[in-house]
Amino acid sequence: MTTTTVTDWNSLLLDQLEWHWTHTLRPRLEGLSDEEYLWEPTPGAWNIAPRGSSTAQIQGGQGDFTIDFAFPQPQPAPMTTIAWRMAHVTVGCLAMRSASHFGREATDYESWTYAGTAREALAQLDEEHARWCAGVRSLGEEGLLEPCGPAEGPFADVSLATLVLHINREVIHHGAEMCLLRDLYLHTHRKDS
């Protein structure tokens, strides 16, 4: 007698991101100070900066703070701060994709209102993470097999499952970088008693 096992791919894909988020990334960002958030580990690091104070070629965003960019990107690319990486995950990985696939209001790097404090940035990250996960959950098994469509440009024909895996990699990858930068800040700014 053969038994058939049904794999719930939607739950598995969500669990990969949620486990990392719940057990690694989000706990490591608790208590993030504004100093850590905006700390530039190298001269010329790309950051989130008060409007008009950056020297970056492109200063995107609405509101009082902008994000640093350049096109084409210099080689090697400048080091980036926790603030910059958090904005990349919040806007480029989560919010823009939720806008393309799950009905979120359209946004991009130029129209985003960037957070000037760690607390505000973490609230934005939490909100976009929750929105993305709810959207992925709503796809179900059949929705994961649908093509991404024109919103994903040259990746229009790949499945939404492929996009979900890509976003998982991006959040895990950049989340690990944020944690490493936080470790570097704590160890280089330690006040010995």
N, C-alpha and C. Protein backbone atom coordinates (compact mmCIF):
# COMPACT_ATOMS: atom_id res chain seq x y z
N MET A 1 0.84 -1.17 0.00
CA MET A 1 0.00 0.00 0.00
C MET A 1 0.89 1.25 0.00
N THR A 2 0.59 2.16 -0.87
CA THR A 2 1.36 3.39 -0.99
C THR A 2 0.59 4.52 -0.32
N THR A 3 1.31 5.28 0.49
CA THR A 3 0.67 6.46 1.08
C THR A 3 1.20 7.70 0.38
N THR A 4 0.32 8.62 0.20
CA THR A 4 0.69 9.86 -0.46
C THR A 4 0.80 10.95 0.60
N THR A 5 1.92 11.64 0.57
CA THR A 5 2.13 12.76 1.48
C THR A 5 1.89 14.05 0.70
N VAL A 6 1.07 14.88 1.25
CA VAL A 6 0.79 16.17 0.62
C VAL A 6 1.67 17.20 1.31
N THR A 7 2.43 17.92 0.51
CA THR A 7 3.30 18.95 1.05
C THR A 7 2.61 20.30 0.92
N ASP A 8 2.54 21.02 2.01
CA ASP A 8 1.95 22.36 2.03
C ASP A 8 3.07 23.36 1.74
N TRP A 9 3.30 23.62 0.45
CA TRP A 9 4.42 24.47 0.04
C TRP A 9 4.28 25.90 0.55
N ASN A 10 3.06 26.39 0.59
CA ASN A 10 2.84 27.75 1.07
C ASN A 10 3.33 27.88 2.52
N SER A 11 2.97 26.95 3.37
CA SER A 11 3.41 26.98 4.77
C SER A 11 4.92 26.82 4.89
N LEU A 12 5.50 25.96 4.06
CA LEU A 12 6.95 25.75 4.11
C LEU A 12 7.71 27.02 3.71
N LEU A 13 7.26 27.68 2.65
CA LEU A 13 7.93 28.91 2.22
C LEU A 13 7.80 30.00 3.27
N LEU A 14 6.62 30.13 3.85
CA LEU A 14 6.43 31.13 4.90
C LEU A 14 7.25 30.79 6.14
N ASP A 15 7.30 29.51 6.49
CA ASP A 15 8.04 29.10 7.69
C ASP A 15 9.52 29.44 7.56
N GLN A 16 10.09 29.32 6.37
CA GLN A 16 11.50 29.65 6.19
C GLN A 16 11.77 31.09 6.60
N LEU A 17 10.94 32.02 6.14
CA LEU A 17 11.12 33.43 6.48
C LEU A 17 10.71 33.70 7.92
N GLU A 18 9.58 33.18 8.33
CA GLU A 18 9.06 33.46 9.67
C GLU A 18 9.98 32.92 10.77
N TRP A 19 10.56 31.74 10.56
CA TRP A 19 11.46 31.19 11.57
C TRP A 19 12.67 32.11 11.75
N HIS A 20 13.25 32.52 10.64
CA HIS A 20 14.40 33.43 10.70
C HIS A 20 13.99 34.74 11.37
N TRP A 21 12.86 35.29 10.98
CA TRP A 21 12.38 36.56 11.51
C TRP A 21 12.17 36.47 13.03
N THR A 22 11.47 35.41 13.46
CA THR A 22 11.07 35.28 14.86
C THR A 22 12.23 34.88 15.77
N HIS A 23 13.12 34.02 15.28
CA HIS A 23 14.16 33.47 16.15
C HIS A 23 15.53 34.13 15.99
N THR A 24 15.73 34.83 14.91
CA THR A 24 17.06 35.41 14.68
C THR A 24 16.98 36.91 14.47
N LEU A 25 16.42 37.34 13.36
CA LEU A 25 16.52 38.74 12.96
C LEU A 25 15.83 39.70 13.92
N ARG A 26 14.54 39.55 14.12
CA ARG A 26 13.82 40.57 14.89
C ARG A 26 14.30 40.67 16.33
N PRO A 27 14.58 39.54 17.03
CA PRO A 27 15.12 39.68 18.38
C PRO A 27 16.48 40.40 18.41
N ARG A 28 17.30 40.19 17.39
CA ARG A 28 18.62 40.85 17.35
C ARG A 28 18.51 42.34 17.12
N LEU A 29 17.38 42.83 16.61
CA LEU A 29 17.21 44.25 16.36
C LEU A 29 16.53 44.98 17.53
N GLU A 30 16.08 44.24 18.54
CA GLU A 30 15.46 44.89 19.70
C GLU A 30 16.46 45.80 20.38
N GLY A 31 16.00 46.97 20.79
CA GLY A 31 16.86 47.91 21.49
C GLY A 31 17.84 48.65 20.60
N LEU A 32 17.68 48.55 19.28
CA LEU A 32 18.57 49.24 18.35
C LEU A 32 18.51 50.74 18.62
N SER A 33 19.65 51.34 18.85
CA SER A 33 19.70 52.78 19.12
C SER A 33 19.80 53.55 17.81
N ASP A 34 19.48 54.84 17.87
CA ASP A 34 19.63 55.69 16.70
C ASP A 34 21.09 55.78 16.28
N GLU A 35 22.00 55.75 17.24
CA GLU A 35 23.43 55.81 16.92
C GLU A 35 23.86 54.59 16.12
N GLU A 36 23.40 53.40 16.53
CA GLU A 36 23.72 52.18 15.79
C GLU A 36 23.07 52.20 14.40
N TYR A 37 21.83 52.59 14.37
CA TYR A 37 21.04 52.63 13.14
C TYR A 37 21.74 53.46 12.06
N LEU A 38 22.27 54.61 12.43
CA LEU A 38 22.87 55.53 11.47
C LEU A 38 24.40 55.47 11.41
N TRP A 39 25.02 54.59 12.20
CA TRP A 39 26.47 54.50 12.26
C TRP A 39 27.07 54.15 10.90
N GLU A 40 28.06 54.92 10.50
CA GLU A 40 28.75 54.68 9.23
C GLU A 40 30.06 53.95 9.52
N PRO A 41 30.13 52.65 9.20
CA PRO A 41 31.31 51.85 9.54
C PRO A 41 32.55 52.22 8.73
N THR A 42 32.36 52.90 7.59
CA THR A 42 33.50 53.34 6.78
C THR A 42 33.18 54.74 6.25
N PRO A 43 34.22 55.51 5.93
CA PRO A 43 33.96 56.82 5.32
C PRO A 43 33.21 56.64 3.99
N GLY A 44 32.26 57.51 3.74
CA GLY A 44 31.51 57.45 2.49
C GLY A 44 30.45 56.38 2.43
N ALA A 45 30.12 55.76 3.56
CA ALA A 45 29.09 54.71 3.57
C ALA A 45 27.75 55.30 3.14
N TRP A 46 26.98 54.52 2.40
CA TRP A 46 25.63 54.94 2.04
C TRP A 46 24.75 54.81 3.27
N ASN A 47 23.83 55.77 3.44
CA ASN A 47 23.07 55.86 4.66
C ASN A 47 21.69 56.43 4.37
N ILE A 48 20.93 56.63 5.42
CA ILE A 48 19.72 57.43 5.42
C ILE A 48 20.16 58.74 6.07
N ALA A 49 19.93 59.85 5.40
CA ALA A 49 20.47 61.13 5.89
C ALA A 49 19.42 62.22 5.83
N PRO A 50 19.56 63.23 6.69
CA PRO A 50 18.65 64.37 6.59
C PRO A 50 18.73 64.96 5.18
N ARG A 51 17.58 65.33 4.65
CA ARG A 51 17.50 65.87 3.29
C ARG A 51 18.52 66.98 3.10
N GLY A 52 19.28 66.88 2.00
CA GLY A 52 20.26 67.90 1.64
C GLY A 52 21.61 67.74 2.29
N SER A 53 21.79 66.76 3.17
CA SER A 53 23.08 66.62 3.85
C SER A 53 23.98 65.55 3.24
N SER A 54 23.45 64.73 2.35
CA SER A 54 24.22 63.65 1.73
C SER A 54 25.02 64.18 0.53
N THR A 55 26.10 63.50 0.24
CA THR A 55 26.89 63.81 -0.95
C THR A 55 26.71 62.74 -2.03
N ALA A 56 25.78 61.78 -1.81
CA ALA A 56 25.55 60.71 -2.78
C ALA A 56 25.00 61.29 -4.08
N GLN A 57 25.31 60.61 -5.18
CA GLN A 57 24.84 61.03 -6.50
C GLN A 57 23.32 61.14 -6.54
N ILE A 58 22.64 60.16 -5.95
CA ILE A 58 21.18 60.15 -5.91
C ILE A 58 20.75 60.10 -4.45
N GLN A 59 19.81 60.96 -4.09
CA GLN A 59 19.26 61.02 -2.74
C GLN A 59 17.75 60.86 -2.87
N GLY A 60 17.29 59.61 -2.78
CA GLY A 60 15.89 59.31 -3.03
C GLY A 60 15.03 59.44 -1.79
N GLY A 61 13.74 59.67 -2.03
CA GLY A 61 12.79 59.66 -0.93
C GLY A 61 12.04 60.96 -0.76
N GLN A 62 10.94 60.86 -0.04
CA GLN A 62 10.10 62.00 0.33
C GLN A 62 10.34 62.28 1.81
N GLY A 63 9.99 63.45 2.25
CA GLY A 63 10.09 63.74 3.67
C GLY A 63 11.44 64.30 4.06
N ASP A 64 11.75 64.19 5.34
CA ASP A 64 12.93 64.83 5.91
C ASP A 64 14.22 64.04 5.70
N PHE A 65 14.13 62.77 5.31
CA PHE A 65 15.32 61.91 5.17
C PHE A 65 15.34 61.27 3.78
N THR A 66 16.54 61.04 3.27
CA THR A 66 16.71 60.41 1.96
C THR A 66 17.64 59.21 2.07
N ILE A 67 17.60 58.37 1.03
CA ILE A 67 18.49 57.21 0.96
C ILE A 67 19.52 57.46 -0.13
N ASP A 68 20.74 57.03 0.09
CA ASP A 68 21.85 57.23 -0.84
C ASP A 68 21.87 56.15 -1.92
N PHE A 69 22.09 56.59 -3.17
CA PHE A 69 22.25 55.68 -4.31
C PHE A 69 23.15 56.33 -5.34
N ALA A 70 23.53 55.55 -6.35
CA ALA A 70 24.23 56.07 -7.53
C ALA A 70 23.95 55.11 -8.68
N PHE A 71 23.83 55.66 -9.89
CA PHE A 71 23.68 54.86 -11.11
C PHE A 71 24.64 55.39 -12.14
N PRO A 72 25.50 54.58 -12.67
CA PRO A 72 25.68 53.19 -12.26
C PRO A 72 26.31 53.13 -10.87
N GLN A 73 26.11 51.99 -10.25
CA GLN A 73 26.66 51.79 -8.91
C GLN A 73 28.18 51.74 -9.01
N PRO A 74 28.90 52.49 -8.16
CA PRO A 74 30.37 52.45 -8.21
C PRO A 74 30.89 51.05 -7.88
N GLN A 75 32.09 50.76 -8.39
CA GLN A 75 32.75 49.49 -8.09
C GLN A 75 34.06 49.76 -7.39
N PRO A 76 34.27 49.30 -6.18
CA PRO A 76 33.28 48.58 -5.38
C PRO A 76 32.21 49.54 -4.86
N ALA A 77 31.06 48.98 -4.57
CA ALA A 77 29.96 49.78 -4.03
C ALA A 77 30.33 50.24 -2.62
N PRO A 78 29.86 51.40 -2.21
CA PRO A 78 30.13 51.86 -0.85
C PRO A 78 29.55 50.88 0.18
N MET A 79 30.16 50.87 1.33
CA MET A 79 29.61 50.13 2.47
C MET A 79 28.26 50.77 2.79
N THR A 80 27.34 50.00 3.34
CA THR A 80 26.04 50.55 3.70
C THR A 80 25.80 50.36 5.20
N THR A 81 24.96 51.23 5.75
CA THR A 81 24.66 51.23 7.18
C THR A 81 23.49 50.30 7.49
N ILE A 82 23.25 50.10 8.77
CA ILE A 82 22.05 49.36 9.18
C ILE A 82 20.82 50.06 8.63
N ALA A 83 20.79 51.39 8.73
CA ALA A 83 19.64 52.16 8.24
C ALA A 83 19.41 51.90 6.75
N TRP A 84 20.47 51.93 5.96
CA TRP A 84 20.35 51.73 4.52
C TRP A 84 19.84 50.32 4.22
N ARG A 85 20.42 49.33 4.88
CA ARG A 85 20.02 47.93 4.63
C ARG A 85 18.58 47.69 5.07
N MET A 86 18.20 48.29 6.20
CA MET A 86 16.83 48.13 6.68
C MET A 86 15.86 48.76 5.68
N ALA A 87 16.21 49.92 5.15
CA ALA A 87 15.36 50.57 4.15
C ALA A 87 15.27 49.73 2.89
N HIS A 88 16.37 49.13 2.48
CA HIS A 88 16.36 48.27 1.29
C HIS A 88 15.40 47.10 1.48
N VAL A 89 15.47 46.45 2.63
CA VAL A 89 14.57 45.32 2.90
C VAL A 89 13.12 45.81 2.96
N THR A 90 12.90 46.90 3.70
CA THR A 90 11.53 47.41 3.88
C THR A 90 10.91 47.83 2.57
N VAL A 91 11.65 48.61 1.78
CA VAL A 91 11.08 49.18 0.56
C VAL A 91 11.25 48.23 -0.63
N GLY A 92 12.50 47.91 -0.97
CA GLY A 92 12.79 47.18 -2.19
C GLY A 92 12.38 45.71 -2.16
N CYS A 93 12.51 45.08 -1.01
CA CYS A 93 12.17 43.65 -0.93
C CYS A 93 10.71 43.43 -0.58
N LEU A 94 10.18 44.18 0.36
CA LEU A 94 8.84 43.90 0.88
C LEU A 94 7.76 44.84 0.32
N ALA A 95 7.89 46.13 0.54
CA ALA A 95 6.80 47.05 0.18
C ALA A 95 6.54 47.09 -1.33
N MET A 96 7.60 47.21 -2.12
CA MET A 96 7.40 47.28 -3.57
C MET A 96 6.79 45.99 -4.10
N ARG A 97 7.20 44.85 -3.55
CA ARG A 97 6.65 43.58 -4.01
C ARG A 97 5.20 43.41 -3.54
N SER A 98 4.89 43.86 -2.33
CA SER A 98 3.49 43.81 -1.87
C SER A 98 2.62 44.71 -2.73
N ALA A 99 3.16 45.84 -3.18
CA ALA A 99 2.42 46.72 -4.08
C ALA A 99 2.17 46.03 -5.42
N SER A 100 3.15 45.31 -5.90
CA SER A 100 3.02 44.64 -7.20
C SER A 100 2.08 43.45 -7.18
N HIS A 101 1.97 42.77 -6.03
CA HIS A 101 1.27 41.49 -6.01
C HIS A 101 0.12 41.39 -5.01
N PHE A 102 0.08 42.26 -4.01
CA PHE A 102 -0.91 42.07 -2.94
C PHE A 102 -1.75 43.31 -2.64
N GLY A 103 -1.81 44.24 -3.57
CA GLY A 103 -2.72 45.37 -3.43
C GLY A 103 -2.25 46.51 -2.54
N ARG A 104 -1.00 46.48 -2.12
CA ARG A 104 -0.49 47.59 -1.33
C ARG A 104 -0.41 48.83 -2.21
N GLU A 105 -0.56 50.01 -1.62
CA GLU A 105 -0.38 51.25 -2.36
C GLU A 105 0.99 51.25 -3.01
N ALA A 106 1.09 51.72 -4.24
CA ALA A 106 2.36 51.74 -4.97
C ALA A 106 3.40 52.57 -4.22
N THR A 107 4.63 52.10 -4.26
CA THR A 107 5.74 52.82 -3.64
C THR A 107 7.02 52.43 -4.35
N ASP A 108 8.08 53.21 -4.12
CA ASP A 108 9.39 52.90 -4.64
C ASP A 108 10.42 53.68 -3.82
N TYR A 109 11.68 53.57 -4.20
CA TYR A 109 12.75 54.23 -3.44
C TYR A 109 12.62 55.76 -3.48
N GLU A 110 12.08 56.30 -4.54
CA GLU A 110 11.94 57.75 -4.67
C GLU A 110 10.76 58.31 -3.89
N SER A 111 9.70 57.53 -3.72
CA SER A 111 8.50 58.04 -3.07
C SER A 111 8.39 57.67 -1.59
N TRP A 112 9.27 56.83 -1.10
CA TRP A 112 9.20 56.38 0.29
C TRP A 112 9.57 57.51 1.25
N THR A 113 8.94 57.53 2.42
CA THR A 113 9.30 58.45 3.49
C THR A 113 10.19 57.68 4.46
N TYR A 114 11.50 57.93 4.39
CA TYR A 114 12.47 57.17 5.17
C TYR A 114 12.48 57.60 6.63
N ALA A 115 12.73 56.65 7.49
CA ALA A 115 12.74 56.88 8.93
C ALA A 115 14.08 57.45 9.38
N GLY A 116 14.05 58.48 10.18
CA GLY A 116 15.26 59.07 10.72
C GLY A 116 15.68 58.47 12.04
N THR A 117 14.83 57.61 12.62
CA THR A 117 15.17 56.97 13.89
C THR A 117 15.02 55.46 13.77
N ALA A 118 15.73 54.75 14.63
CA ALA A 118 15.66 53.29 14.64
C ALA A 118 14.24 52.82 14.96
N ARG A 119 13.61 53.47 15.89
CA ARG A 119 12.26 53.06 16.28
C ARG A 119 11.28 53.17 15.11
N GLU A 120 11.33 54.28 14.39
CA GLU A 120 10.45 54.46 13.23
C GLU A 120 10.77 53.44 12.15
N ALA A 121 12.05 53.19 11.92
CA ALA A 121 12.45 52.23 10.88
C ALA A 121 11.99 50.82 11.23
N LEU A 122 12.12 50.44 12.49
CA LEU A 122 11.67 49.10 12.90
C LEU A 122 10.15 48.97 12.75
N ALA A 123 9.41 50.04 13.03
CA ALA A 123 7.95 50.00 12.85
C ALA A 123 7.61 49.83 11.36
N GLN A 124 8.34 50.52 10.48
CA GLN A 124 8.11 50.34 9.04
C GLN A 124 8.44 48.92 8.61
N LEU A 125 9.56 48.40 9.08
CA LEU A 125 9.97 47.04 8.74
C LEU A 125 8.94 46.02 9.21
N ASP A 126 8.48 46.17 10.45
CA ASP A 126 7.47 45.24 10.99
C ASP A 126 6.19 45.27 10.17
N GLU A 127 5.75 46.48 9.81
CA GLU A 127 4.52 46.62 9.04
C GLU A 127 4.63 45.97 7.66
N GLU A 128 5.74 46.21 6.98
CA GLU A 128 5.90 45.65 5.63
C GLU A 128 6.13 44.14 5.67
N HIS A 129 6.81 43.66 6.69
CA HIS A 129 6.99 42.21 6.86
C HIS A 129 5.63 41.53 7.05
N ALA A 130 4.80 42.09 7.93
CA ALA A 130 3.48 41.51 8.19
C ALA A 130 2.62 41.54 6.93
N ARG A 131 2.69 42.63 6.18
CA ARG A 131 1.90 42.75 4.94
C ARG A 131 2.36 41.71 3.92
N TRP A 132 3.67 41.56 3.75
CA TRP A 132 4.20 40.58 2.79
C TRP A 132 3.77 39.17 3.18
N CYS A 133 3.92 38.82 4.45
CA CYS A 133 3.57 37.46 4.88
C CYS A 133 2.08 37.18 4.70
N ALA A 134 1.25 38.17 5.00
CA ALA A 134 -0.20 38.00 4.78
C ALA A 134 -0.48 37.79 3.30
N GLY A 135 0.21 38.52 2.45
CA GLY A 135 0.03 38.36 1.01
C GLY A 135 0.45 36.98 0.53
N VAL A 136 1.60 36.51 1.00
CA VAL A 136 2.06 35.18 0.60
C VAL A 136 1.08 34.12 1.10
N ARG A 137 0.63 34.28 2.33
CA ARG A 137 -0.33 33.32 2.89
C ARG A 137 -1.59 33.27 2.02
N SER A 138 -2.02 34.41 1.51
CA SER A 138 -3.25 34.46 0.71
C SER A 138 -3.13 33.77 -0.64
N LEU A 139 -1.91 33.52 -1.09
CA LEU A 139 -1.71 32.89 -2.40
C LEU A 139 -2.21 31.46 -2.43
N GLY A 140 -2.04 30.74 -1.32
CA GLY A 140 -2.37 29.33 -1.33
C GLY A 140 -1.44 28.59 -2.28
N GLU A 141 -1.71 27.32 -2.46
CA GLU A 141 -0.85 26.48 -3.30
C GLU A 141 -0.93 26.88 -4.77
N GLU A 142 -2.12 27.11 -5.25
CA GLU A 142 -2.28 27.44 -6.68
C GLU A 142 -1.69 28.79 -7.02
N GLY A 143 -1.86 29.75 -6.14
CA GLY A 143 -1.32 31.08 -6.38
C GLY A 143 0.19 31.09 -6.48
N LEU A 144 0.86 30.21 -5.74
CA LEU A 144 2.32 30.13 -5.81
C LEU A 144 2.81 29.74 -7.20
N LEU A 145 1.98 29.03 -7.94
CA LEU A 145 2.38 28.55 -9.26
C LEU A 145 2.14 29.58 -10.37
N GLU A 146 1.39 30.62 -10.06
CA GLU A 146 1.09 31.65 -11.06
C GLU A 146 2.37 32.41 -11.43
N PRO A 147 2.46 32.90 -12.67
CA PRO A 147 3.62 33.71 -13.04
C PRO A 147 3.57 35.07 -12.34
N CYS A 148 4.73 35.65 -12.12
CA CYS A 148 4.82 36.95 -11.45
C CYS A 148 4.15 38.06 -12.24
N GLY A 149 4.22 38.00 -13.54
CA GLY A 149 3.59 39.01 -14.37
C GLY A 149 4.49 40.21 -14.62
N PRO A 150 3.99 41.20 -15.34
CA PRO A 150 4.80 42.30 -15.82
C PRO A 150 5.47 43.13 -14.73
N ALA A 151 4.95 43.11 -13.51
CA ALA A 151 5.55 43.89 -12.42
C ALA A 151 6.98 43.49 -12.15
N GLU A 152 7.35 42.27 -12.49
CA GLU A 152 8.70 41.78 -12.21
C GLU A 152 9.61 41.83 -13.44
N GLY A 153 9.23 42.60 -14.46
CA GLY A 153 10.09 42.82 -15.62
C GLY A 153 10.56 41.54 -16.26
N PRO A 154 11.90 41.33 -16.32
CA PRO A 154 12.41 40.14 -16.99
C PRO A 154 12.06 38.83 -16.27
N PHE A 155 11.53 38.93 -15.07
CA PHE A 155 11.14 37.73 -14.32
C PHE A 155 9.64 37.51 -14.37
N ALA A 156 8.97 38.12 -15.33
CA ALA A 156 7.51 38.06 -15.44
C ALA A 156 6.99 36.63 -15.53
N ASP A 157 7.77 35.75 -16.17
CA ASP A 157 7.29 34.39 -16.39
C ASP A 157 7.63 33.41 -15.28
N VAL A 158 8.43 33.82 -14.31
CA VAL A 158 8.75 32.90 -13.21
C VAL A 158 7.58 32.86 -12.24
N SER A 159 7.50 31.80 -11.46
CA SER A 159 6.38 31.63 -10.54
C SER A 159 6.51 32.56 -9.34
N LEU A 160 5.36 32.85 -8.73
CA LEU A 160 5.38 33.62 -7.49
C LEU A 160 6.15 32.87 -6.40
N ALA A 161 6.17 31.54 -6.44
CA ALA A 161 6.97 30.78 -5.48
C ALA A 161 8.45 31.13 -5.62
N THR A 162 8.91 31.31 -6.85
CA THR A 162 10.30 31.70 -7.08
C THR A 162 10.57 33.07 -6.48
N LEU A 163 9.62 34.00 -6.65
CA LEU A 163 9.77 35.32 -6.05
C LEU A 163 9.79 35.24 -4.53
N VAL A 164 8.92 34.43 -3.95
CA VAL A 164 8.89 34.27 -2.49
C VAL A 164 10.23 33.76 -1.99
N LEU A 165 10.79 32.77 -2.67
CA LEU A 165 12.11 32.26 -2.28
C LEU A 165 13.18 33.34 -2.39
N HIS A 166 13.10 34.16 -3.43
CA HIS A 166 14.06 35.25 -3.60
C HIS A 166 13.93 36.25 -2.45
N ILE A 167 12.73 36.64 -2.10
CA ILE A 167 12.52 37.59 -1.00
C ILE A 167 13.01 36.97 0.31
N ASN A 168 12.77 35.69 0.53
CA ASN A 168 13.30 35.03 1.73
C ASN A 168 14.82 35.18 1.78
N ARG A 169 15.49 34.90 0.66
CA ARG A 169 16.96 35.02 0.62
C ARG A 169 17.40 36.45 0.92
N GLU A 170 16.71 37.43 0.33
CA GLU A 170 17.07 38.83 0.53
C GLU A 170 16.94 39.24 1.99
N VAL A 171 15.82 38.88 2.62
CA VAL A 171 15.60 39.26 4.02
C VAL A 171 16.61 38.56 4.92
N ILE A 172 16.86 37.29 4.68
CA ILE A 172 17.83 36.55 5.50
C ILE A 172 19.23 37.13 5.30
N HIS A 173 19.61 37.37 4.07
CA HIS A 173 20.94 37.88 3.73
C HIS A 173 21.16 39.26 4.34
N HIS A 174 20.27 40.20 4.05
CA HIS A 174 20.45 41.56 4.56
C HIS A 174 20.21 41.64 6.07
N GLY A 175 19.35 40.79 6.57
CA GLY A 175 19.16 40.73 8.03
C GLY A 175 20.43 40.31 8.73
N ALA A 176 21.13 39.33 8.18
CA ALA A 176 22.40 38.89 8.77
C ALA A 176 23.43 40.02 8.73
N GLU A 177 23.43 40.79 7.63
CA GLU A 177 24.35 41.93 7.55
C GLU A 177 24.03 42.98 8.62
N MET A 178 22.74 43.26 8.84
CA MET A 178 22.36 44.21 9.88
C MET A 178 22.85 43.73 11.25
N CYS A 179 22.69 42.44 11.51
CA CYS A 179 23.13 41.89 12.79
C CYS A 179 24.64 41.98 12.94
N LEU A 180 25.37 41.70 11.87
CA LEU A 180 26.83 41.81 11.92
C LEU A 180 27.26 43.26 12.16
N LEU A 181 26.63 44.19 11.47
CA LEU A 181 26.96 45.61 11.69
C LEU A 181 26.66 46.01 13.13
N ARG A 182 25.58 45.49 13.67
CA ARG A 182 25.27 45.80 15.06
C ARG A 182 26.35 45.25 15.98
N ASP A 183 26.80 44.03 15.72
CA ASP A 183 27.90 43.45 16.52
C ASP A 183 29.15 44.30 16.41
N LEU A 184 29.49 44.72 15.20
CA LEU A 184 30.68 45.56 15.02
C LEU A 184 30.56 46.87 15.79
N TYR A 185 29.38 47.48 15.72
CA TYR A 185 29.18 48.73 16.45
C TYR A 185 29.37 48.50 17.96
N LEU A 186 28.72 47.46 18.47
CA LEU A 186 28.80 47.21 19.91
C LEU A 186 30.22 46.92 20.37
N HIS A 187 31.00 46.23 19.54
CA HIS A 187 32.37 45.88 19.94
C HIS A 187 33.36 47.00 19.70
N THR A 188 33.06 47.93 18.81
CA THR A 188 33.98 49.04 18.57
C THR A 188 33.61 50.28 19.37
N HIS A 189 32.44 50.30 19.95
CA HIS A 189 31.99 51.44 20.75
C HIS A 189 31.75 51.04 22.20
N ARG A 190 32.32 49.93 22.60
CA ARG A 190 32.13 49.43 23.97
C ARG A 190 32.81 50.39 24.94
N LYS A 191 32.09 50.68 25.99
CA LYS A 191 32.65 51.53 27.04
C LYS A 191 33.13 50.60 28.14
N ASP A 192 34.45 50.47 28.26
CA ASP A 192 35.01 49.61 29.31
C ASP A 192 34.83 50.29 30.66
N SER A 193 34.35 49.51 31.65
CA SER A 193 34.15 50.10 32.97
C SER A 193 35.31 49.82 33.89
